[in-house]
Amino acid sequence: MTEPDYLAIIKERGQGALDIKMGIEMLEVSPQRLVARMPVEGNTQPIGILHGGANVVLAESLGSIGTQLHAGPDRKVVGVDINATHHKSTSSGYVTAIATPVSLGRTLCVYEIVITNEAGQRTCTARITCLILNKD
């Protein structure tokens, strides 16, 4: 049995409005690993560095997508906890996020998301917990 083309599934479904506004581009997608990038430009604080909230949006997008792919199309997903530690600021280029599961369960999924700048330096580490629910 072959693995589904998760990236094609995500592209067919389309992105949410916030992901589009943030410029998030999905590069690799599966329940086991998600990779995306986001431009710094347009997502900065008034002083010109990447806004910490932008990191959280990127992290939540990846964790939620990974959980939804794990849960399947007949279930729905909601985030219940997210945290982020900002290690280093960045003011240009792109940041890249890699999300890997800590736990993929029947009702809870936890992902760790590592965000790096173009030099490969870690700028943020986030963790998200998502709850898997039955569709109404």
Protein backbone atom coordinates (compact mmCIF):
# COMPACT_ATOMS: atom_id res chain seq x y z
CA MET A 1 0.00 0.00 0.00
CA THR A 2 1.42 3.37 -0.96
CA GLU A 3 1.42 6.49 1.19
CA PRO A 4 -1.15 9.14 0.12
CA ASP A 5 0.17 12.31 -1.54
CA TYR A 6 -0.52 14.50 1.48
CA LEU A 7 0.86 17.65 -0.14
CA ALA A 8 -1.59 17.23 -3.05
CA ILE A 9 -4.43 16.72 -0.54
CA ILE A 10 -3.50 19.95 1.27
CA LYS A 11 -3.18 21.90 -1.98
CA GLU A 12 -6.57 20.63 -3.16
CA ARG A 13 -8.21 21.57 0.15
CA GLY A 14 -6.68 25.03 0.00
CA GLN A 15 -5.14 27.21 2.69
CA GLY A 16 -6.90 29.16 5.38
CA ALA A 17 -7.14 32.93 5.05
CA LEU A 18 -4.59 33.57 7.81
CA ASP A 19 -2.01 31.23 6.29
CA ILE A 20 -2.42 33.08 2.99
CA LYS A 21 -2.02 36.49 4.68
CA MET A 22 1.12 35.25 6.45
CA GLY A 23 2.59 33.86 3.23
CA ILE A 24 2.96 30.34 4.62
CA GLU A 25 4.07 27.85 1.99
CA MET A 26 3.79 24.13 2.70
CA LEU A 27 6.84 22.25 1.37
CA GLU A 28 6.48 18.74 2.83
CA VAL A 29 3.39 17.26 4.44
CA SER A 30 2.65 14.01 6.27
CA PRO A 31 1.50 13.11 9.77
CA GLN A 32 5.14 12.23 10.59
CA ARG A 33 6.83 15.40 9.29
CA LEU A 34 5.70 18.78 8.03
CA VAL A 35 7.91 21.48 6.57
CA ALA A 36 6.81 25.01 5.69
CA ARG A 37 8.37 28.39 5.17
CA MET A 38 7.13 31.90 5.84
CA PRO A 39 8.52 35.29 4.79
CA VAL A 40 9.71 37.65 7.48
CA GLU A 41 8.62 40.66 5.43
CA GLY A 42 5.00 41.50 6.19
CA ASN A 43 5.10 39.59 9.50
CA THR A 44 7.21 41.95 11.60
CA GLN A 45 6.88 44.01 14.73
CA PRO A 46 7.16 47.82 14.38
CA ILE A 47 10.91 47.55 15.09
CA GLY A 48 11.43 45.34 12.02
CA ILE A 49 11.92 41.86 13.49
CA LEU A 50 9.69 38.83 12.99
CA HIS A 51 6.69 39.03 15.29
CA GLY A 52 6.57 36.25 17.88
CA GLY A 53 2.90 35.75 17.10
CA ALA A 54 3.84 34.97 13.50
CA ASN A 55 5.96 32.09 14.78
CA VAL A 56 2.97 30.82 16.74
CA VAL A 57 0.68 31.03 13.69
CA LEU A 58 3.21 29.04 11.66
CA ALA A 59 3.58 26.45 14.42
CA GLU A 60 -0.17 26.07 14.94
CA SER A 61 -0.77 25.67 11.24
CA LEU A 62 1.70 22.80 10.99
CA GLY A 63 0.53 21.04 14.15
CA SER A 64 -3.11 21.32 13.18
CA ILE A 65 -2.51 20.08 9.64
CA GLY A 66 -0.43 17.15 10.89
CA THR A 67 -3.10 16.21 13.41
CA GLN A 68 -5.85 16.43 10.79
CA LEU A 69 -3.91 14.15 8.45
CA HIS A 70 -3.37 11.68 11.32
CA ALA A 71 -7.04 11.84 12.38
CA GLY A 72 -8.46 11.41 8.87
CA PRO A 73 -11.21 13.23 7.00
CA ASP A 74 -14.04 11.95 9.22
CA ARG A 75 -12.73 13.67 12.36
CA LYS A 76 -12.19 17.32 13.26
CA VAL A 77 -9.27 18.90 15.07
CA VAL A 78 -8.97 21.77 17.56
CA GLY A 79 -5.87 23.14 19.23
CA VAL A 80 -6.01 23.04 23.03
CA ASP A 81 -2.53 24.24 24.01
CA ILE A 82 0.37 25.96 22.32
CA ASN A 83 3.58 27.47 23.62
CA ALA A 84 6.62 28.99 21.99
CA THR A 85 10.10 29.91 23.12
CA HIS A 86 11.74 32.61 21.00
CA HIS A 87 15.50 32.07 20.91
CA LYS A 88 16.74 34.54 18.33
CA SER A 89 15.26 37.40 16.32
CA THR A 90 15.31 37.61 12.54
CA SER A 91 14.61 40.59 10.31
CA SER A 92 14.82 39.38 6.72
CA GLY A 93 14.39 36.44 4.39
CA TYR A 94 12.35 33.41 5.32
CA VAL A 95 11.96 31.20 8.34
CA THR A 96 11.50 27.47 7.92
CA ALA A 97 9.48 25.33 10.31
CA ILE A 98 9.78 21.58 10.75
CA ALA A 99 7.07 19.85 12.78
CA THR A 100 7.54 16.34 14.13
CA PRO A 101 5.15 14.42 16.35
CA VAL A 102 5.86 13.84 19.99
CA SER A 103 2.71 11.72 20.27
CA LEU A 104 0.02 10.67 17.76
CA GLY A 105 -2.92 9.27 19.70
CA ARG A 106 -6.59 8.53 19.11
CA THR A 107 -7.75 11.74 20.78
CA LEU A 108 -4.62 13.87 21.36
CA CYS A 109 -1.66 14.72 19.16
CA VAL A 110 1.40 16.69 20.22
CA TYR A 111 3.89 18.22 17.79
CA GLU A 112 7.20 19.95 18.34
CA ILE A 113 7.94 22.67 15.81
CA VAL A 114 11.48 23.96 15.28
CA ILE A 115 11.73 27.25 13.38
CA THR A 116 15.04 28.34 11.86
CA ASN A 117 16.32 31.34 9.93
CA GLU A 118 18.05 31.14 6.54
CA ALA A 119 21.41 30.53 8.26
CA GLY A 120 19.93 27.41 9.89
CA GLN A 121 19.93 28.96 13.36
CA ARG A 122 17.03 28.02 15.63
CA THR A 123 14.87 31.09 16.21
CA CYS A 124 11.89 29.46 17.93
CA THR A 125 10.78 26.17 19.43
CA ALA A 126 7.04 25.58 19.79
CA ARG A 127 4.83 22.76 20.98
CA ILE A 128 1.15 22.30 20.19
CA THR A 129 -1.41 19.86 21.55
CA CYS A 130 -4.48 19.19 19.40
CA LEU A 131 -7.67 17.38 20.34
CA ILE A 132 -9.30 15.04 17.82
CA LEU A 133 -13.11 15.11 17.90
CA ASN A 134 -15.88 13.35 16.03
CA LYS A 135 -17.60 15.50 13.43
CA ASP A 136 -21.06 16.59 14.51
